[in-house]
Amino acid sequence: MNKHLINSTIYILATLGANYTAAWFIPLPGFGQVAVGTFVFGLTFTQRDRLHAAGRGWVYGTIALAAMANVLMSALLGVPLRIILASFLAIVLAETADTEVYQKLLRFPWLVRVAGSNAVSIPLDTLLFTLIAFAGVLPRGDILALLFGETVLKYAIGAIAALWKEGNWSWRVQPPTPQDQPD
């Protein structure tokens, strides 16, 4: 099977799983609290970065498909509209920002590209989703705990995922491969 299709499928399934568990909270000692879905969603930022080898159009097609799949799944499962809206906007806006930053960093090694794009998209995603989904529903202290805990956890999971590239641990910074070049 085509590796781009596999990477897209993993990305879409991860967003579905993360959004399905977006309102299930657990405490993260020392870091506030997080939604269970954050453990999966942290992977999506780096997983989406893997799609660039297929080209910018493929990345945007996958983001659009993930956003639509999440709206459909949420509607079928009776997820509150605020969660559906938060999910859709966070996926579209944060992943678009991630894609454009990553494209600007194509001349740099893999880990620099991932770290640079995640530095923008992770806080943007966390802020958008948390405020749209939970402002007016959760107390301010819980929202602040979510913002902090989820941002830290997404960075950690994204970093671990970035170290695994093409079946190998990336213990050293590697130059871009020819298929990583912009469209």
N, C-alpha and C. Protein backbone atom coordinates (compact mmCIF):
# COMPACT_ATOMS: atom_id res chain seq x y z
N MET A 1 0.84 -1.18 0.00
CA MET A 1 0.00 0.00 0.00
C MET A 1 0.89 1.25 0.00
N ASN A 2 0.46 2.28 -0.65
CA ASN A 2 1.16 3.54 -0.77
C ASN A 2 1.41 4.15 0.62
N LYS A 3 2.67 4.55 0.91
CA LYS A 3 2.98 5.10 2.24
C LYS A 3 2.25 6.40 2.51
N HIS A 4 1.94 7.16 1.46
CA HIS A 4 1.20 8.41 1.66
C HIS A 4 -0.23 8.11 2.11
N LEU A 5 -0.82 7.09 1.54
CA LEU A 5 -2.17 6.69 1.93
C LEU A 5 -2.17 6.16 3.36
N ILE A 6 -1.17 5.39 3.71
CA ILE A 6 -1.05 4.88 5.09
C ILE A 6 -0.90 6.04 6.07
N ASN A 7 -0.02 6.99 5.76
CA ASN A 7 0.18 8.14 6.65
C ASN A 7 -1.09 8.99 6.76
N SER A 8 -1.80 9.17 5.65
CA SER A 8 -3.06 9.92 5.69
C SER A 8 -4.10 9.21 6.53
N THR A 9 -4.18 7.90 6.38
CA THR A 9 -5.15 7.11 7.16
C THR A 9 -4.84 7.19 8.65
N ILE A 10 -3.57 7.07 9.01
CA ILE A 10 -3.18 7.18 10.42
C ILE A 10 -3.57 8.56 10.96
N TYR A 11 -3.29 9.60 10.19
CA TYR A 11 -3.62 10.97 10.59
C TYR A 11 -5.13 11.12 10.82
N ILE A 12 -5.92 10.69 9.86
CA ILE A 12 -7.38 10.84 9.96
C ILE A 12 -7.93 10.03 11.13
N LEU A 13 -7.49 8.79 11.29
CA LEU A 13 -7.96 7.96 12.41
C LEU A 13 -7.55 8.56 13.75
N ALA A 14 -6.35 9.14 13.81
CA ALA A 14 -5.90 9.77 15.05
C ALA A 14 -6.78 10.98 15.39
N THR A 15 -7.14 11.79 14.39
CA THR A 15 -8.01 12.93 14.68
C THR A 15 -9.39 12.46 15.13
N LEU A 16 -9.90 11.39 14.52
CA LEU A 16 -11.20 10.86 14.92
C LEU A 16 -11.16 10.36 16.37
N GLY A 17 -10.13 9.59 16.69
CA GLY A 17 -10.00 9.08 18.06
C GLY A 17 -9.83 10.19 19.07
N ALA A 18 -9.04 11.19 18.72
CA ALA A 18 -8.80 12.30 19.63
C ALA A 18 -10.08 13.09 19.88
N ASN A 19 -10.82 13.37 18.82
CA ASN A 19 -12.04 14.15 18.99
C ASN A 19 -13.14 13.36 19.69
N TYR A 20 -13.17 12.06 19.50
CA TYR A 20 -14.15 11.22 20.18
C TYR A 20 -13.95 11.29 21.70
N THR A 21 -12.71 11.42 22.13
CA THR A 21 -12.40 11.44 23.56
C THR A 21 -12.04 12.84 24.06
N ALA A 22 -12.43 13.88 23.31
CA ALA A 22 -12.05 15.25 23.63
C ALA A 22 -12.62 15.77 24.94
N ALA A 23 -13.73 15.24 25.39
CA ALA A 23 -14.36 15.74 26.62
C ALA A 23 -14.18 14.78 27.79
N TRP A 24 -13.27 13.82 27.66
CA TRP A 24 -12.95 12.90 28.76
C TRP A 24 -11.66 13.41 29.39
N PHE A 25 -11.71 13.91 30.60
CA PHE A 25 -10.56 14.56 31.22
C PHE A 25 -9.89 13.69 32.28
N ILE A 26 -8.57 13.84 32.36
CA ILE A 26 -7.80 13.19 33.42
C ILE A 26 -6.79 14.21 33.95
N PRO A 27 -6.46 14.13 35.24
CA PRO A 27 -5.44 15.04 35.78
C PRO A 27 -4.05 14.62 35.31
N LEU A 28 -3.22 15.59 35.06
CA LEU A 28 -1.83 15.34 34.70
C LEU A 28 -1.00 16.03 35.78
N PRO A 29 -0.60 15.30 36.82
CA PRO A 29 0.08 15.92 37.96
C PRO A 29 1.22 16.85 37.55
N GLY A 30 1.16 18.05 38.09
CA GLY A 30 2.19 19.04 37.80
C GLY A 30 1.96 19.82 36.52
N PHE A 31 1.01 19.36 35.70
CA PHE A 31 0.78 20.02 34.42
C PHE A 31 -0.68 20.37 34.18
N GLY A 32 -1.52 20.28 35.18
CA GLY A 32 -2.93 20.60 35.00
C GLY A 32 -3.73 19.36 34.66
N GLN A 33 -4.59 19.48 33.67
CA GLN A 33 -5.37 18.33 33.23
C GLN A 33 -5.38 18.28 31.72
N VAL A 34 -5.74 17.13 31.19
CA VAL A 34 -5.78 16.95 29.74
C VAL A 34 -6.98 16.11 29.37
N ALA A 35 -7.41 16.27 28.13
CA ALA A 35 -8.42 15.38 27.57
C ALA A 35 -7.71 14.10 27.16
N VAL A 36 -8.39 12.98 27.30
CA VAL A 36 -7.80 11.70 26.90
C VAL A 36 -7.35 11.78 25.44
N GLY A 37 -8.12 12.46 24.61
CA GLY A 37 -7.80 12.58 23.19
C GLY A 37 -6.47 13.25 22.91
N THR A 38 -5.97 14.02 23.86
CA THR A 38 -4.69 14.70 23.67
C THR A 38 -3.55 13.70 23.49
N PHE A 39 -3.66 12.54 24.14
CA PHE A 39 -2.62 11.53 23.99
C PHE A 39 -2.52 11.06 22.54
N VAL A 40 -3.64 11.06 21.84
CA VAL A 40 -3.65 10.67 20.42
C VAL A 40 -3.40 11.89 19.55
N PHE A 41 -4.00 13.02 19.91
CA PHE A 41 -3.90 14.19 19.05
C PHE A 41 -2.48 14.74 18.96
N GLY A 42 -1.68 14.55 19.99
CA GLY A 42 -0.29 14.99 19.93
C GLY A 42 0.45 14.36 18.76
N LEU A 43 0.05 13.17 18.39
CA LEU A 43 0.65 12.46 17.26
C LEU A 43 0.29 13.11 15.92
N THR A 44 -0.89 13.72 15.83
CA THR A 44 -1.37 14.19 14.53
C THR A 44 -0.50 15.29 13.93
N PHE A 45 0.08 16.13 14.76
CA PHE A 45 0.89 17.23 14.23
C PHE A 45 2.09 16.70 13.45
N THR A 46 2.79 15.75 14.02
CA THR A 46 3.95 15.18 13.35
C THR A 46 3.52 14.24 12.23
N GLN A 47 2.44 13.52 12.44
CA GLN A 47 1.94 12.62 11.39
C GLN A 47 1.58 13.42 10.14
N ARG A 48 0.99 14.59 10.33
CA ARG A 48 0.64 15.44 9.20
C ARG A 48 1.90 15.93 8.50
N ASP A 49 2.95 16.18 9.26
CA ASP A 49 4.21 16.60 8.65
C ASP A 49 4.78 15.52 7.73
N ARG A 50 4.50 14.27 8.03
CA ARG A 50 4.98 13.16 7.18
C ARG A 50 4.32 13.18 5.80
N LEU A 51 3.19 13.84 5.69
CA LEU A 51 2.45 13.86 4.42
C LEU A 51 3.09 14.77 3.38
N HIS A 52 3.99 15.64 3.78
CA HIS A 52 4.58 16.60 2.84
C HIS A 52 5.33 15.94 1.69
N ALA A 53 5.80 14.74 1.89
CA ALA A 53 6.48 14.03 0.80
C ALA A 53 5.54 13.79 -0.37
N ALA A 54 4.23 13.78 -0.12
CA ALA A 54 3.24 13.59 -1.19
C ALA A 54 2.84 14.92 -1.83
N GLY A 55 3.27 16.03 -1.27
CA GLY A 55 2.97 17.33 -1.84
C GLY A 55 1.93 18.10 -1.05
N ARG A 56 1.96 19.40 -1.20
CA ARG A 56 1.06 20.30 -0.48
C ARG A 56 -0.41 19.98 -0.74
N GLY A 57 -0.75 19.67 -1.98
CA GLY A 57 -2.14 19.33 -2.31
C GLY A 57 -2.63 18.12 -1.54
N TRP A 58 -1.78 17.11 -1.41
CA TRP A 58 -2.14 15.90 -0.66
C TRP A 58 -2.37 16.25 0.82
N VAL A 59 -1.51 17.11 1.36
CA VAL A 59 -1.64 17.52 2.76
C VAL A 59 -2.98 18.20 2.98
N TYR A 60 -3.30 19.18 2.12
CA TYR A 60 -4.56 19.90 2.28
C TYR A 60 -5.77 19.00 2.04
N GLY A 61 -5.67 18.08 1.12
CA GLY A 61 -6.76 17.12 0.90
C GLY A 61 -7.00 16.26 2.12
N THR A 62 -5.92 15.83 2.75
CA THR A 62 -6.04 15.00 3.96
C THR A 62 -6.62 15.81 5.12
N ILE A 63 -6.19 17.05 5.27
CA ILE A 63 -6.74 17.91 6.32
C ILE A 63 -8.24 18.10 6.11
N ALA A 64 -8.65 18.38 4.88
CA ALA A 64 -10.08 18.57 4.57
C ALA A 64 -10.87 17.30 4.86
N LEU A 65 -10.34 16.17 4.45
CA LEU A 65 -11.02 14.90 4.70
C LEU A 65 -11.14 14.62 6.20
N ALA A 66 -10.09 14.91 6.95
CA ALA A 66 -10.13 14.71 8.41
C ALA A 66 -11.17 15.63 9.05
N ALA A 67 -11.21 16.88 8.62
CA ALA A 67 -12.19 17.82 9.18
C ALA A 67 -13.62 17.35 8.90
N MET A 68 -13.87 16.94 7.66
CA MET A 68 -15.22 16.47 7.31
C MET A 68 -15.57 15.17 8.04
N ALA A 69 -14.62 14.26 8.14
CA ALA A 69 -14.87 12.99 8.84
C ALA A 69 -15.19 13.24 10.31
N ASN A 70 -14.50 14.21 10.92
CA ASN A 70 -14.76 14.52 12.32
C ASN A 70 -16.13 15.16 12.52
N VAL A 71 -16.54 16.02 11.62
CA VAL A 71 -17.88 16.61 11.71
C VAL A 71 -18.94 15.52 11.57
N LEU A 72 -18.77 14.64 10.59
CA LEU A 72 -19.72 13.55 10.37
C LEU A 72 -19.79 12.62 11.60
N MET A 73 -18.64 12.18 12.08
CA MET A 73 -18.61 11.29 13.24
C MET A 73 -19.27 11.96 14.45
N SER A 74 -18.93 13.21 14.69
CA SER A 74 -19.47 13.92 15.84
C SER A 74 -20.98 14.09 15.73
N ALA A 75 -21.46 14.41 14.54
CA ALA A 75 -22.91 14.57 14.34
C ALA A 75 -23.63 13.24 14.56
N LEU A 76 -23.08 12.16 14.05
CA LEU A 76 -23.70 10.83 14.21
C LEU A 76 -23.71 10.38 15.66
N LEU A 77 -22.72 10.78 16.43
CA LEU A 77 -22.61 10.36 17.82
C LEU A 77 -23.27 11.34 18.79
N GLY A 78 -23.87 12.39 18.26
CA GLY A 78 -24.55 13.35 19.12
C GLY A 78 -23.63 14.23 19.95
N VAL A 79 -22.45 14.47 19.44
CA VAL A 79 -21.49 15.34 20.14
C VAL A 79 -22.04 16.77 20.12
N PRO A 80 -21.92 17.50 21.21
CA PRO A 80 -22.42 18.88 21.24
C PRO A 80 -21.83 19.73 20.11
N LEU A 81 -22.65 20.64 19.60
CA LEU A 81 -22.24 21.50 18.49
C LEU A 81 -20.96 22.28 18.82
N ARG A 82 -20.79 22.70 20.05
CA ARG A 82 -19.59 23.47 20.42
C ARG A 82 -18.32 22.64 20.22
N ILE A 83 -18.40 21.34 20.46
CA ILE A 83 -17.24 20.45 20.26
C ILE A 83 -17.00 20.26 18.77
N ILE A 84 -18.08 20.09 18.00
CA ILE A 84 -17.95 19.92 16.55
C ILE A 84 -17.31 21.16 15.94
N LEU A 85 -17.82 22.33 16.31
CA LEU A 85 -17.29 23.59 15.78
C LEU A 85 -15.83 23.78 16.20
N ALA A 86 -15.53 23.52 17.46
CA ALA A 86 -14.15 23.66 17.95
C ALA A 86 -13.21 22.74 17.20
N SER A 87 -13.64 21.51 17.01
CA SER A 87 -12.81 20.53 16.30
C SER A 87 -12.55 20.96 14.86
N PHE A 88 -13.62 21.33 14.17
CA PHE A 88 -13.48 21.71 12.76
C PHE A 88 -12.55 22.91 12.61
N LEU A 89 -12.80 23.95 13.39
CA LEU A 89 -11.97 25.16 13.27
C LEU A 89 -10.52 24.91 13.67
N ALA A 90 -10.32 24.15 14.73
CA ALA A 90 -8.96 23.87 15.17
C ALA A 90 -8.20 23.06 14.13
N ILE A 91 -8.86 22.04 13.56
CA ILE A 91 -8.20 21.23 12.53
C ILE A 91 -7.85 22.10 11.32
N VAL A 92 -8.82 22.84 10.82
CA VAL A 92 -8.59 23.62 9.60
C VAL A 92 -7.56 24.73 9.83
N LEU A 93 -7.71 25.51 10.87
CA LEU A 93 -6.81 26.66 11.07
C LEU A 93 -5.43 26.25 11.57
N ALA A 94 -5.36 25.41 12.59
CA ALA A 94 -4.05 25.03 13.13
C ALA A 94 -3.27 24.18 12.15
N GLU A 95 -3.94 23.27 11.47
CA GLU A 95 -3.23 22.41 10.51
C GLU A 95 -2.82 23.19 9.26
N THR A 96 -3.58 24.20 8.88
CA THR A 96 -3.17 25.07 7.77
C THR A 96 -1.91 25.85 8.17
N ALA A 97 -1.91 26.40 9.38
CA ALA A 97 -0.73 27.11 9.87
C ALA A 97 0.47 26.18 9.91
N ASP A 98 0.26 24.96 10.42
CA ASP A 98 1.33 23.97 10.49
C ASP A 98 1.89 23.68 9.10
N THR A 99 0.99 23.50 8.14
CA THR A 99 1.41 23.17 6.77
C THR A 99 2.24 24.29 6.17
N GLU A 100 1.80 25.52 6.32
CA GLU A 100 2.51 26.63 5.71
C GLU A 100 3.87 26.88 6.37
N VAL A 101 3.94 26.75 7.68
CA VAL A 101 5.23 26.89 8.36
C VAL A 101 6.17 25.77 7.92
N TYR A 102 5.67 24.55 7.88
CA TYR A 102 6.49 23.41 7.45
C TYR A 102 7.02 23.64 6.04
N GLN A 103 6.17 24.13 5.13
CA GLN A 103 6.60 24.39 3.75
C GLN A 103 7.74 25.41 3.70
N LYS A 104 7.68 26.41 4.57
CA LYS A 104 8.74 27.43 4.61
C LYS A 104 10.06 26.86 5.14
N LEU A 105 9.98 25.75 5.85
CA LEU A 105 11.17 25.17 6.47
C LEU A 105 11.73 23.97 5.70
N LEU A 106 11.27 23.74 4.49
CA LEU A 106 11.67 22.55 3.74
C LEU A 106 13.18 22.42 3.52
N ARG A 107 13.89 23.51 3.51
CA ARG A 107 15.34 23.43 3.27
C ARG A 107 16.10 22.98 4.52
N PHE A 108 15.41 22.88 5.64
CA PHE A 108 16.03 22.48 6.91
C PHE A 108 15.83 20.99 7.18
N PRO A 109 16.60 20.43 8.10
CA PRO A 109 16.44 19.01 8.45
C PRO A 109 15.05 18.72 9.05
N TRP A 110 14.67 17.44 8.98
CA TRP A 110 13.36 16.96 9.44
C TRP A 110 12.98 17.47 10.83
N LEU A 111 13.86 17.32 11.81
CA LEU A 111 13.51 17.70 13.18
C LEU A 111 13.29 19.20 13.33
N VAL A 112 14.01 20.00 12.56
CA VAL A 112 13.81 21.46 12.59
C VAL A 112 12.46 21.80 11.98
N ARG A 113 12.12 21.15 10.88
CA ARG A 113 10.82 21.39 10.23
C ARG A 113 9.66 21.04 11.16
N VAL A 114 9.76 19.89 11.79
CA VAL A 114 8.68 19.44 12.69
C VAL A 114 8.59 20.36 13.91
N ALA A 115 9.72 20.66 14.53
CA ALA A 115 9.71 21.52 15.71
C ALA A 115 9.19 22.92 15.37
N GLY A 116 9.60 23.44 14.23
CA GLY A 116 9.15 24.77 13.82
C GLY A 116 7.66 24.83 13.55
N SER A 117 7.14 23.86 12.82
CA SER A 117 5.71 23.88 12.51
C SER A 117 4.88 23.57 13.76
N ASN A 118 5.35 22.66 14.61
CA ASN A 118 4.63 22.36 15.84
C ASN A 118 4.62 23.54 16.81
N ALA A 119 5.68 24.34 16.78
CA ALA A 119 5.76 25.51 17.67
C ALA A 119 4.62 26.48 17.41
N VAL A 120 4.11 26.50 16.18
CA VAL A 120 2.99 27.36 15.82
C VAL A 120 1.66 26.64 15.99
N SER A 121 1.56 25.43 15.47
CA SER A 121 0.26 24.76 15.40
C SER A 121 -0.23 24.20 16.74
N ILE A 122 0.65 23.73 17.58
CA ILE A 122 0.19 23.14 18.85
C ILE A 122 -0.48 24.18 19.75
N PRO A 123 0.15 25.33 20.03
CA PRO A 123 -0.56 26.29 20.88
C PRO A 123 -1.82 26.85 20.20
N LEU A 124 -1.77 27.04 18.88
CA LEU A 124 -2.95 27.54 18.16
C LEU A 124 -4.10 26.54 18.26
N ASP A 125 -3.83 25.28 18.01
CA ASP A 125 -4.85 24.24 18.11
C ASP A 125 -5.43 24.17 19.52
N THR A 126 -4.55 24.16 20.51
CA THR A 126 -4.99 24.04 21.90
C THR A 126 -5.85 25.23 22.31
N LEU A 127 -5.42 26.42 21.95
CA LEU A 127 -6.17 27.62 22.30
C LEU A 127 -7.53 27.64 21.61
N LEU A 128 -7.55 27.41 20.30
CA LEU A 128 -8.82 27.41 19.56
C LEU A 128 -9.79 26.37 20.10
N PHE A 129 -9.33 25.12 20.16
CA PHE A 129 -10.23 24.05 20.57
C PHE A 129 -10.73 24.27 22.00
N THR A 130 -9.83 24.54 22.92
CA THR A 130 -10.22 24.65 24.33
C THR A 130 -11.18 25.81 24.56
N LEU A 131 -10.89 26.97 23.99
CA LEU A 131 -11.76 28.12 24.22
C LEU A 131 -13.12 27.96 23.55
N ILE A 132 -13.14 27.47 22.31
CA ILE A 132 -14.42 27.31 21.62
C ILE A 132 -15.25 26.20 22.27
N ALA A 133 -14.62 25.11 22.63
CA ALA A 133 -15.35 23.96 23.18
C ALA A 133 -15.78 24.16 24.63
N PHE A 134 -14.97 24.86 25.42
CA PHE A 134 -15.21 24.83 26.86
C PHE A 134 -15.43 26.18 27.54
N ALA A 135 -15.20 27.31 26.85
CA ALA A 135 -15.45 28.62 27.47
C ALA A 135 -16.94 28.72 27.79
N GLY A 136 -17.24 29.12 29.01
CA GLY A 136 -18.63 29.22 29.44
C GLY A 136 -19.21 27.90 29.94
N VAL A 137 -18.46 26.81 29.76
CA VAL A 137 -18.92 25.49 30.21
C VAL A 137 -18.10 25.04 31.41
N LEU A 138 -16.80 25.24 31.33
CA LEU A 138 -15.90 24.86 32.42
C LEU A 138 -15.44 26.11 33.17
N PRO A 139 -15.10 25.97 34.44
CA PRO A 139 -14.55 27.11 35.18
C PRO A 139 -13.21 27.56 34.57
N ARG A 140 -12.91 28.83 34.76
CA ARG A 140 -11.69 29.42 34.21
C ARG A 140 -10.44 28.64 34.62
N GLY A 141 -10.38 28.21 35.86
CA GLY A 141 -9.22 27.44 36.34
C GLY A 141 -9.05 26.14 35.58
N ASP A 142 -10.16 25.47 35.27
CA ASP A 142 -10.09 24.22 34.50
C ASP A 142 -9.61 24.50 33.07
N ILE A 143 -10.07 25.60 32.51
CA ILE A 143 -9.64 25.95 31.15
C ILE A 143 -8.14 26.24 31.13
N LEU A 144 -7.66 26.99 32.12
CA LEU A 144 -6.22 27.27 32.19
C LEU A 144 -5.41 25.99 32.37
N ALA A 145 -5.92 25.09 33.20
CA ALA A 145 -5.24 23.80 33.41
C ALA A 145 -5.21 23.00 32.11
N LEU A 146 -6.31 23.03 31.36
CA LEU A 146 -6.35 22.33 30.06
C LEU A 146 -5.36 22.96 29.08
N LEU A 147 -5.37 24.28 28.99
CA LEU A 147 -4.46 24.95 28.05
C LEU A 147 -3.01 24.58 28.34
N PHE A 148 -2.62 24.61 29.59
CA PHE A 148 -1.25 24.29 29.95
C PHE A 148 -0.95 22.80 29.75
N GLY A 149 -1.76 21.95 30.34
CA GLY A 149 -1.52 20.51 30.28
C GLY A 149 -1.54 19.96 28.86
N GLU A 150 -2.50 20.40 28.07
CA GLU A 150 -2.60 19.88 26.71
C GLU A 150 -1.46 20.37 25.83
N THR A 151 -1.05 21.61 26.00
CA THR A 151 0.07 22.12 25.21
C THR A 151 1.34 21.34 25.52
N VAL A 152 1.63 21.15 26.79
CA VAL A 152 2.84 20.41 27.19
C VAL A 152 2.80 18.98 26.66
N LEU A 153 1.66 18.30 26.83
CA LEU A 153 1.55 16.91 26.40
C LEU A 153 1.65 16.78 24.88
N LYS A 154 1.01 17.69 24.14
CA LYS A 154 1.09 17.63 22.67
C LYS A 154 2.52 17.83 22.20
N TYR A 155 3.25 18.76 22.81
CA TYR A 155 4.66 18.95 22.44
C TYR A 155 5.46 17.68 22.71
N ALA A 156 5.24 17.07 23.87
CA ALA A 156 6.00 15.86 24.23
C ALA A 156 5.71 14.72 23.26
N ILE A 157 4.45 14.47 22.99
CA ILE A 157 4.09 13.38 22.08
C ILE A 157 4.56 13.68 20.66
N GLY A 158 4.40 14.94 20.23
CA GLY A 158 4.89 15.32 18.90
C GLY A 158 6.39 15.14 18.77
N ALA A 159 7.13 15.46 19.82
CA ALA A 159 8.59 15.29 19.80
C ALA A 159 8.98 13.83 19.70
N ILE A 160 8.32 12.99 20.47
CA ILE A 160 8.61 11.55 20.40
C ILE A 160 8.28 11.01 19.02
N ALA A 161 7.13 11.41 18.47
CA ALA A 161 6.74 10.96 17.13
C ALA A 161 7.72 11.45 16.07
N ALA A 162 8.27 12.66 16.26
CA ALA A 162 9.22 13.20 15.28
C ALA A 162 10.52 12.42 15.26
N LEU A 163 10.88 11.84 16.38
CA LEU A 163 12.13 11.07 16.44
C LEU A 163 12.04 9.75 15.67
N TRP A 164 10.83 9.32 15.37
CA TRP A 164 10.63 8.09 14.59
C TRP A 164 10.30 8.50 13.16
N LYS A 165 11.22 8.25 12.24
CA LYS A 165 11.00 8.65 10.85
C LYS A 165 11.41 7.52 9.94
N GLU A 166 10.46 7.11 9.11
CA GLU A 166 10.70 6.07 8.11
C GLU A 166 11.31 4.82 8.71
N GLY A 167 10.75 4.36 9.82
CA GLY A 167 11.18 3.11 10.41
C GLY A 167 12.45 3.17 11.22
N ASN A 168 12.95 4.36 11.49
CA ASN A 168 14.20 4.51 12.24
C ASN A 168 14.07 5.64 13.25
N TRP A 169 14.81 5.53 14.32
CA TRP A 169 14.89 6.63 15.27
C TRP A 169 15.83 7.68 14.72
N SER A 170 15.42 8.93 14.74
CA SER A 170 16.22 10.04 14.21
C SER A 170 17.04 10.66 15.33
N TRP A 171 18.08 9.96 15.74
CA TRP A 171 18.91 10.48 16.82
C TRP A 171 19.81 11.60 16.35
N ARG A 172 19.94 11.74 15.07
CA ARG A 172 20.75 12.84 14.55
C ARG A 172 19.89 13.63 13.58
N VAL A 173 20.21 14.90 13.41
CA VAL A 173 19.47 15.74 12.49
C VAL A 173 19.85 15.35 11.07
N GLN A 174 18.85 15.12 10.22
CA GLN A 174 19.09 14.66 8.86
C GLN A 174 18.67 15.74 7.86
N PRO A 175 19.39 15.85 6.74
CA PRO A 175 19.00 16.83 5.72
C PRO A 175 17.71 16.37 5.03
N PRO A 176 16.99 17.32 4.42
CA PRO A 176 15.76 16.95 3.72
C PRO A 176 16.05 15.97 2.58
N THR A 177 15.11 15.10 2.33
CA THR A 177 15.23 14.18 1.21
C THR A 177 14.62 14.84 -0.02
N PRO A 178 14.93 14.37 -1.25
CA PRO A 178 14.39 15.00 -2.45
C PRO A 178 12.86 15.07 -2.46
N GLN A 179 12.17 14.06 -1.91
CA GLN A 179 10.71 14.09 -1.92
C GLN A 179 10.14 15.09 -0.92
N ASP A 180 10.99 15.69 -0.07
CA ASP A 180 10.54 16.69 0.88
C ASP A 180 10.52 18.10 0.28
N GLN A 181 10.93 18.25 -0.95
CA GLN A 181 10.99 19.56 -1.57
C GLN A 181 9.59 20.09 -1.85
N PRO A 182 9.40 21.42 -1.83
CA PRO A 182 8.07 22.00 -2.03
C PRO A 182 7.52 21.71 -3.41
N ASP A 183 6.19 21.83 -3.50
CA ASP A 183 5.51 21.61 -4.79
C ASP A 183 5.98 22.62 -5.83
